Amino acid sequence: MGTQRKQALLRLEPEVLAAGKDAAAARGLDFNKYVERLIAEDTTGARAAGMSAAQRLIDTHGDFLADLEDDLDAQHAPVPRNRGAAA
């Protein structure tokens, strides 16, 4: 026996709707499933738990992560052109 679903009507600003659809697609979800997941995460505490875990990670390893980001940025920085070289 399947779960009975209820229908809801949302009124969103066009740019909010577009951003939501893009976010859903990036996660491989249809828009309805994306909205359902956001509501479930928000109302069950899963979202807060994830944010808390992310903050602990930053608090514990923030300096390492910042150094790693700087190293990666330096590795992928554009190579400066030598303007004094003969053409």
N, C-alpha and C. Protein backbone atom coordinates (compact mmCIF):
# COMPACT_ATOMS: atom_id res chain seq x y z
N MET A 1 0.84 -1.17 0.00
CA MET A 1 0.00 0.00 0.00
C MET A 1 0.89 1.24 0.00
N GLY A 2 0.74 2.15 -0.98
CA GLY A 2 1.57 3.34 -1.11
C GLY A 2 1.12 4.45 -0.18
N THR A 3 1.99 5.39 0.03
CA THR A 3 1.68 6.55 0.85
C THR A 3 0.77 7.49 0.07
N GLN A 4 -0.28 7.92 0.73
CA GLN A 4 -1.19 8.85 0.08
C GLN A 4 -0.56 10.23 0.08
N ARG A 5 -0.52 10.86 -1.07
CA ARG A 5 0.10 12.17 -1.24
C ARG A 5 -0.97 13.24 -1.26
N LYS A 6 -0.61 14.42 -0.79
CA LYS A 6 -1.47 15.59 -0.84
C LYS A 6 -0.82 16.61 -1.77
N GLN A 7 -1.64 17.38 -2.40
CA GLN A 7 -1.14 18.39 -3.32
C GLN A 7 -1.13 19.74 -2.63
N ALA A 8 -0.10 20.57 -2.92
CA ALA A 8 -0.01 21.92 -2.39
C ALA A 8 0.34 22.87 -3.52
N LEU A 9 -0.14 24.07 -3.43
CA LEU A 9 0.14 25.09 -4.42
C LEU A 9 1.14 26.07 -3.81
N LEU A 10 2.22 26.34 -4.53
CA LEU A 10 3.22 27.30 -4.07
C LEU A 10 3.23 28.48 -5.02
N ARG A 11 3.35 29.66 -4.46
CA ARG A 11 3.52 30.86 -5.27
C ARG A 11 4.91 31.38 -4.98
N LEU A 12 5.76 31.36 -5.98
CA LEU A 12 7.15 31.76 -5.81
C LEU A 12 7.51 32.84 -6.82
N GLU A 13 8.45 33.68 -6.43
CA GLU A 13 9.01 34.65 -7.37
C GLU A 13 9.70 33.86 -8.48
N PRO A 14 9.66 34.34 -9.72
CA PRO A 14 10.25 33.59 -10.83
C PRO A 14 11.72 33.21 -10.61
N GLU A 15 12.49 34.13 -10.02
CA GLU A 15 13.91 33.80 -9.81
C GLU A 15 14.11 32.76 -8.71
N VAL A 16 13.21 32.73 -7.72
CA VAL A 16 13.29 31.72 -6.67
C VAL A 16 12.93 30.35 -7.26
N LEU A 17 11.89 30.31 -8.08
CA LEU A 17 11.50 29.07 -8.74
C LEU A 17 12.62 28.54 -9.63
N ALA A 18 13.23 29.43 -10.41
CA ALA A 18 14.32 29.02 -11.30
C ALA A 18 15.50 28.49 -10.49
N ALA A 19 15.84 29.16 -9.41
CA ALA A 19 16.96 28.71 -8.56
C ALA A 19 16.64 27.35 -7.94
N GLY A 20 15.40 27.16 -7.51
CA GLY A 20 15.00 25.88 -6.93
C GLY A 20 15.06 24.75 -7.94
N LYS A 21 14.60 25.02 -9.15
CA LYS A 21 14.66 24.00 -10.20
C LYS A 21 16.10 23.66 -10.57
N ASP A 22 16.96 24.67 -10.62
CA ASP A 22 18.38 24.43 -10.89
C ASP A 22 19.02 23.60 -9.78
N ALA A 23 18.70 23.94 -8.53
CA ALA A 23 19.25 23.20 -7.39
C ALA A 23 18.76 21.75 -7.40
N ALA A 24 17.50 21.55 -7.72
CA ALA A 24 16.95 20.19 -7.79
C ALA A 24 17.66 19.40 -8.87
N ALA A 25 17.82 20.00 -10.05
CA ALA A 25 18.48 19.31 -11.16
C ALA A 25 19.93 18.96 -10.81
N ALA A 26 20.61 19.87 -10.13
CA ALA A 26 22.01 19.62 -9.75
C ALA A 26 22.12 18.43 -8.80
N ARG A 27 21.04 18.14 -8.08
CA ARG A 27 21.04 17.01 -7.15
C ARG A 27 20.38 15.77 -7.74
N GLY A 28 19.97 15.87 -9.00
CA GLY A 28 19.34 14.74 -9.66
C GLY A 28 17.92 14.47 -9.17
N LEU A 29 17.25 15.53 -8.70
CA LEU A 29 15.89 15.39 -8.18
C LEU A 29 14.92 16.20 -9.02
N ASP A 30 13.66 15.76 -9.05
CA ASP A 30 12.67 16.64 -9.64
C ASP A 30 12.32 17.69 -8.59
N PHE A 31 11.72 18.79 -9.03
CA PHE A 31 11.45 19.92 -8.14
C PHE A 31 10.60 19.53 -6.94
N ASN A 32 9.57 18.71 -7.16
CA ASN A 32 8.69 18.30 -6.05
C ASN A 32 9.47 17.54 -4.98
N LYS A 33 10.33 16.61 -5.41
CA LYS A 33 11.12 15.82 -4.46
C LYS A 33 12.09 16.73 -3.71
N TYR A 34 12.66 17.70 -4.41
CA TYR A 34 13.59 18.64 -3.79
C TYR A 34 12.89 19.43 -2.68
N VAL A 35 11.71 19.97 -2.98
CA VAL A 35 10.96 20.73 -1.97
C VAL A 35 10.58 19.83 -0.80
N GLU A 36 10.13 18.62 -1.11
CA GLU A 36 9.77 17.67 -0.05
C GLU A 36 10.96 17.38 0.86
N ARG A 37 12.14 17.20 0.25
CA ARG A 37 13.35 16.91 1.03
C ARG A 37 13.74 18.11 1.90
N LEU A 38 13.65 19.32 1.34
CA LEU A 38 13.96 20.51 2.14
C LEU A 38 13.06 20.62 3.36
N ILE A 39 11.77 20.39 3.16
CA ILE A 39 10.83 20.47 4.28
C ILE A 39 11.14 19.39 5.31
N ALA A 40 11.38 18.17 4.84
CA ALA A 40 11.68 17.07 5.77
C ALA A 40 12.96 17.34 6.56
N GLU A 41 14.01 17.82 5.88
CA GLU A 41 15.27 18.11 6.57
C GLU A 41 15.07 19.21 7.60
N ASP A 42 14.29 20.21 7.27
CA ASP A 42 14.07 21.34 8.17
C ASP A 42 13.24 20.94 9.38
N THR A 43 12.24 20.11 9.18
CA THR A 43 11.31 19.78 10.27
C THR A 43 11.76 18.60 11.13
N THR A 44 12.72 17.81 10.65
CA THR A 44 13.18 16.66 11.45
C THR A 44 14.46 16.95 12.21
N GLY A 45 15.06 18.10 11.97
CA GLY A 45 16.32 18.42 12.63
C GLY A 45 17.54 17.95 11.87
N ALA A 46 17.34 17.24 10.75
CA ALA A 46 18.48 16.73 9.98
C ALA A 46 19.33 17.88 9.44
N ARG A 47 18.68 18.94 9.00
CA ARG A 47 19.42 20.09 8.47
C ARG A 47 20.27 20.74 9.56
N ALA A 48 19.69 20.94 10.73
CA ALA A 48 20.42 21.54 11.84
C ALA A 48 21.60 20.66 12.26
N ALA A 49 21.39 19.36 12.28
CA ALA A 49 22.48 18.44 12.65
C ALA A 49 23.61 18.51 11.63
N GLY A 50 23.26 18.58 10.35
CA GLY A 50 24.29 18.70 9.31
C GLY A 50 25.06 20.00 9.41
N MET A 51 24.35 21.09 9.66
CA MET A 51 25.02 22.39 9.81
C MET A 51 25.92 22.40 11.03
N SER A 52 25.49 21.78 12.09
CA SER A 52 26.29 21.70 13.31
C SER A 52 27.57 20.89 13.07
N ALA A 53 27.43 19.78 12.34
CA ALA A 53 28.60 18.95 12.01
C ALA A 53 29.57 19.72 11.12
N ALA A 54 29.04 20.47 10.16
CA ALA A 54 29.89 21.26 9.28
C ALA A 54 30.64 22.32 10.08
N GLN A 55 29.97 22.96 11.04
CA GLN A 55 30.63 23.98 11.85
C GLN A 55 31.73 23.37 12.72
N ARG A 56 31.48 22.17 13.26
CA ARG A 56 32.53 21.50 14.05
C ARG A 56 33.75 21.19 13.18
N LEU A 57 33.51 20.78 11.94
CA LEU A 57 34.60 20.50 11.01
C LEU A 57 35.42 21.77 10.75
N ILE A 58 34.73 22.88 10.52
CA ILE A 58 35.42 24.15 10.29
C ILE A 58 36.18 24.58 11.53
N ASP A 59 35.56 24.46 12.69
CA ASP A 59 36.22 24.85 13.94
C ASP A 59 37.46 24.03 14.20
N THR A 60 37.39 22.74 13.89
CA THR A 60 38.51 21.84 14.17
C THR A 60 39.60 21.91 13.12
N HIS A 61 39.22 22.03 11.84
CA HIS A 61 40.18 21.93 10.75
C HIS A 61 40.20 23.16 9.84
N GLY A 62 39.66 24.27 10.32
CA GLY A 62 39.54 25.46 9.49
C GLY A 62 40.86 25.96 8.92
N ASP A 63 41.91 25.98 9.75
CA ASP A 63 43.22 26.46 9.27
C ASP A 63 43.75 25.55 8.17
N PHE A 64 43.64 24.24 8.36
CA PHE A 64 44.09 23.29 7.34
C PHE A 64 43.31 23.49 6.04
N LEU A 65 41.99 23.64 6.16
CA LEU A 65 41.17 23.81 4.96
C LEU A 65 41.51 25.11 4.23
N ALA A 66 41.77 26.18 4.98
CA ALA A 66 42.15 27.46 4.36
C ALA A 66 43.48 27.33 3.64
N ASP A 67 44.45 26.65 4.28
CA ASP A 67 45.76 26.44 3.63
C ASP A 67 45.61 25.58 2.38
N LEU A 68 44.79 24.56 2.44
CA LEU A 68 44.56 23.70 1.29
C LEU A 68 43.93 24.49 0.15
N GLU A 69 42.97 25.32 0.46
CA GLU A 69 42.33 26.15 -0.55
C GLU A 69 43.35 27.10 -1.19
N ASP A 70 44.21 27.72 -0.37
CA ASP A 70 45.25 28.60 -0.90
C ASP A 70 46.19 27.85 -1.83
N ASP A 71 46.60 26.64 -1.44
CA ASP A 71 47.49 25.82 -2.27
C ASP A 71 46.83 25.47 -3.60
N LEU A 72 45.56 25.08 -3.55
CA LEU A 72 44.85 24.73 -4.79
C LEU A 72 44.68 25.96 -5.69
N ASP A 73 44.39 27.11 -5.08
CA ASP A 73 44.26 28.33 -5.87
C ASP A 73 45.59 28.66 -6.55
N ALA A 74 46.69 28.51 -5.83
CA ALA A 74 48.01 28.81 -6.39
C ALA A 74 48.35 27.84 -7.54
N GLN A 75 47.97 26.59 -7.40
CA GLN A 75 48.25 25.60 -8.45
C GLN A 75 47.48 25.88 -9.73
N HIS A 76 46.32 26.50 -9.60
CA HIS A 76 45.46 26.73 -10.76
C HIS A 76 45.41 28.20 -11.19
N ALA A 77 46.33 29.00 -10.64
CA ALA A 77 46.38 30.42 -11.01
C ALA A 77 46.89 30.54 -12.44
N PRO A 78 46.41 31.54 -13.18
CA PRO A 78 46.90 31.74 -14.53
C PRO A 78 48.40 32.06 -14.52
N VAL A 79 49.09 31.56 -15.51
CA VAL A 79 50.53 31.83 -15.62
C VAL A 79 50.69 33.22 -16.22
N PRO A 80 51.46 34.10 -15.55
CA PRO A 80 51.65 35.46 -16.12
C PRO A 80 52.46 35.39 -17.41
N ARG A 81 52.08 36.21 -18.34
CA ARG A 81 52.80 36.28 -19.62
C ARG A 81 53.98 37.22 -19.49
N ASN A 82 55.06 36.86 -20.12
CA ASN A 82 56.26 37.70 -20.12
C ASN A 82 56.09 38.76 -21.21
N ARG A 83 55.78 39.97 -20.79
CA ARG A 83 55.52 41.04 -21.77
C ARG A 83 56.78 41.55 -22.44
N GLY A 84 57.95 41.28 -21.86
CA GLY A 84 59.18 41.76 -22.44
C GLY A 84 59.77 40.82 -23.49
N ALA A 85 59.16 39.68 -23.70
CA ALA A 85 59.69 38.69 -24.65
C ALA A 85 59.45 39.16 -26.07
N ALA A 86 60.37 38.79 -26.95
CA ALA A 86 60.24 39.15 -28.37
C ALA A 86 59.08 38.38 -28.98
N ALA A 87 58.38 39.05 -29.87
CA ALA A 87 57.21 38.43 -30.50
C ALA A 87 57.58 37.58 -31.68
